[in-house]
Protein backbone atom coordinates (compact mmCIF):
# COMPACT_ATOMS: atom_id res chain seq x y z
CA MET A 1 0.00 0.00 0.00
CA ASP A 2 1.70 3.11 -1.19
CA SER A 3 -0.95 5.72 -0.59
CA VAL A 4 -4.01 6.37 1.48
CA ARG A 5 -7.20 5.61 -0.34
CA THR A 6 -10.67 6.91 0.31
CA ASP A 7 -13.74 4.72 0.13
CA PRO A 8 -15.24 4.90 -3.33
CA ALA A 9 -18.95 5.26 -3.84
CA PRO A 10 -20.65 1.82 -3.80
CA GLY A 11 -21.30 1.94 -7.55
CA ASP A 12 -17.68 2.84 -8.24
CA ALA A 13 -16.42 -0.07 -6.13
CA ASN A 14 -18.82 -2.44 -7.89
CA ARG A 15 -17.64 -1.27 -11.30
CA LEU A 16 -14.02 -1.55 -10.22
CA VAL A 17 -14.53 -5.16 -9.09
CA GLN A 18 -16.40 -5.94 -12.33
CA ASP A 19 -13.47 -4.53 -14.32
CA ILE A 20 -11.01 -6.64 -12.33
CA LEU A 21 -13.13 -9.75 -12.82
CA ALA A 22 -13.29 -9.06 -16.56
CA ARG A 23 -9.48 -8.74 -16.75
CA HIS A 24 -9.12 -12.18 -15.16
CA ALA A 25 -12.01 -13.89 -16.97
CA GLY A 26 -11.19 -17.45 -17.99
CA GLN A 27 -7.90 -17.43 -16.11
CA LEU A 28 -7.25 -20.54 -14.00
CA GLY A 29 -6.36 -19.80 -10.39
CA ALA A 30 -7.51 -16.20 -10.67
CA LEU A 31 -8.75 -15.76 -7.10
CA LEU A 32 -5.47 -14.54 -5.59
CA PRO A 33 -4.69 -12.11 -8.43
CA ILE A 34 -8.25 -10.79 -8.21
CA LEU A 35 -7.99 -10.28 -4.45
CA HIS A 36 -4.64 -8.52 -4.84
CA ASP A 37 -6.04 -6.24 -7.54
CA VAL A 38 -9.10 -5.33 -5.44
CA GLN A 39 -6.99 -4.60 -2.38
CA ASP A 40 -4.46 -2.61 -4.42
CA ALA A 41 -7.27 -0.49 -5.84
CA LEU A 42 -9.35 0.01 -2.68
CA GLY A 43 -6.83 -0.53 0.12
CA TYR A 44 -8.89 -3.45 1.46
CA ILE A 45 -11.48 -6.01 0.34
CA PRO A 46 -14.97 -4.83 1.31
CA ASP A 47 -17.64 -7.39 2.27
CA GLU A 48 -19.69 -6.39 -0.76
CA ALA A 49 -16.80 -7.32 -3.04
CA VAL A 50 -16.60 -10.85 -1.59
CA ALA A 51 -20.05 -11.77 -2.93
CA GLN A 52 -19.29 -10.13 -6.25
CA ILE A 53 -15.97 -11.96 -6.60
CA ALA A 54 -17.52 -15.30 -5.59
CA ALA A 55 -20.25 -14.95 -8.21
CA GLY A 56 -17.74 -13.79 -10.82
CA ILE A 57 -15.51 -16.85 -10.47
CA GLN A 58 -18.29 -19.30 -9.61
CA ARG A 59 -17.12 -20.04 -6.09
CA SER A 60 -18.94 -19.78 -2.79
CA ARG A 61 -18.63 -16.70 -0.61
CA ALA A 62 -17.22 -19.02 2.08
CA GLU A 63 -14.39 -20.09 -0.23
CA VAL A 64 -13.45 -16.51 -1.07
CA HIS A 65 -13.75 -15.41 2.55
CA GLY A 66 -11.62 -18.40 3.64
CA VAL A 67 -8.80 -17.35 1.33
CA ILE A 68 -8.99 -13.76 2.57
CA GLN A 69 -8.80 -14.93 6.17
CA PHE A 70 -5.98 -17.39 5.51
CA TYR A 71 -3.58 -14.84 4.02
CA THR A 72 -2.63 -12.13 6.50
CA HIS A 73 -1.83 -9.76 3.63
CA PHE A 74 -5.53 -9.30 2.87
CA HIS A 75 -7.63 -6.86 4.89
CA THR A 76 -11.38 -6.50 5.20
CA THR A 77 -11.41 -3.06 6.80
CA PRO A 78 -10.19 0.27 5.45
CA PRO A 79 -6.50 0.84 6.10
CA ALA A 80 -5.16 3.24 8.69
CA ARG A 81 -3.43 6.34 7.39
CA THR A 82 -0.06 4.82 8.36
CA ARG A 83 0.37 1.05 8.23
CA VAL A 84 3.35 -0.28 10.17
CA GLU A 85 4.49 -3.87 9.73
CA VAL A 86 7.20 -5.08 12.10
CA CYS A 87 9.11 -8.25 11.30
CA ARG A 88 8.77 -10.90 14.00
CA ALA A 89 11.05 -13.53 12.42
CA GLU A 90 14.10 -14.98 14.14
CA SER A 91 16.77 -12.72 12.70
CA CYS A 92 14.88 -9.56 13.63
CA GLN A 93 14.11 -10.97 17.08
CA ALA A 94 17.79 -11.67 17.64
CA CYS A 95 18.67 -8.06 16.75
CA GLY A 96 16.23 -6.18 18.97
CA GLY A 97 12.94 -6.83 17.22
CA GLN A 98 11.05 -7.59 20.43
CA ALA A 99 11.81 -4.18 21.94
CA LEU A 100 11.06 -2.53 18.59
CA TYR A 101 7.67 -4.27 18.41
CA ARG A 102 6.78 -3.21 21.97
CA HIS A 103 7.72 0.37 21.09
CA ALA A 104 5.57 0.21 17.95
CA GLU A 105 2.67 -1.16 20.02
CA ASP A 106 2.92 1.82 22.36
CA LEU A 107 3.01 4.25 19.43
CA ALA A 108 0.00 2.64 17.76
CA ALA A 109 -1.96 2.59 21.03
CA ARG A 110 -1.38 6.33 21.58
CA ALA A 111 -2.24 7.32 18.00
CA PRO A 112 -5.72 8.65 17.20
CA ALA A 113 -8.13 6.06 15.80
CA GLY A 114 -7.54 5.31 12.14
CA GLN A 115 -4.10 6.93 12.06
CA VAL A 116 -1.69 4.03 12.72
CA SER A 117 -2.13 0.28 12.41
CA LEU A 118 0.45 -2.22 13.57
CA GLU A 119 0.81 -5.67 12.10
CA PRO A 120 3.31 -8.39 12.89
CA VAL A 121 4.81 -9.99 9.78
CA PHE A 122 7.16 -12.89 9.43
CA CYS A 123 10.11 -11.94 7.29
CA LEU A 124 10.44 -8.87 5.15
CA GLY A 125 13.53 -10.27 3.44
CA LEU A 126 15.95 -7.91 5.17
CA CYS A 127 17.43 -10.49 7.54
CA GLY A 128 20.99 -9.26 7.02
CA GLN A 129 19.92 -5.78 8.16
CA SER A 130 17.63 -6.63 11.07
CA PRO A 131 15.38 -5.50 12.60
CA ALA A 132 13.14 -4.47 9.73
CA VAL A 133 9.81 -2.71 9.33
CA MET A 134 7.59 -1.77 6.44
CA ILE A 135 5.74 1.54 6.58
CA ASN A 136 3.00 2.05 4.00
CA GLY A 137 4.60 -0.53 1.74
CA ARG A 138 8.16 0.81 2.00
CA PRO A 139 10.78 -1.38 3.75
CA HIS A 140 13.26 0.02 6.27
CA ALA A 141 16.25 -1.82 7.73
CA GLN A 142 18.27 -1.61 10.94
CA VAL A 143 15.36 0.09 12.69
CA THR A 144 15.68 1.18 16.30
CA PRO A 145 12.85 2.66 18.35
CA GLU A 146 14.34 6.11 17.70
CA LYS A 147 14.58 5.49 13.96
CA LEU A 148 10.97 4.28 13.95
CA ASP A 149 9.91 7.52 15.65
CA ALA A 150 11.70 9.51 12.95
CA LEU A 151 10.23 7.43 10.12
CA LEU A 152 6.71 7.87 11.48
CA ALA A 153 7.24 11.59 11.99
CA ALA A 154 8.23 11.86 8.34
CA GLU A 155 4.95 10.12 7.37
CA ALA A 156 2.88 12.69 9.27
């Protein structure tokens, strides 16, 4: 997620999902690409889109919902203004990730509603430069609590 999105009008979201379904029509295994495209466009996957996607690919709503719930990348609520993902994998834990995560929890708890979300992730691929975070889709390495404060201040 590179930018903050606003909720489109219901008709606009429906048309957007229809366009995405049309782009993937006839494609085997299209569910994941469809879900990625919807989330990329809207910032999340609204409940209304689940039924539309299920009908479009001839699957049950339960199947589509199950995939959304299985993959932690997918979200069913609008994103916060600033989305912080903190790596919880072994390398980051060994290099101060636990303290960094606690600091990020405190920051997120003090932020106004809808401003900052915190999500644990398992490996951002920056193991050689641990600990790592991703802020609004941008990775950052060798992050300390102080560096996190500065990164978040720059996002404000």
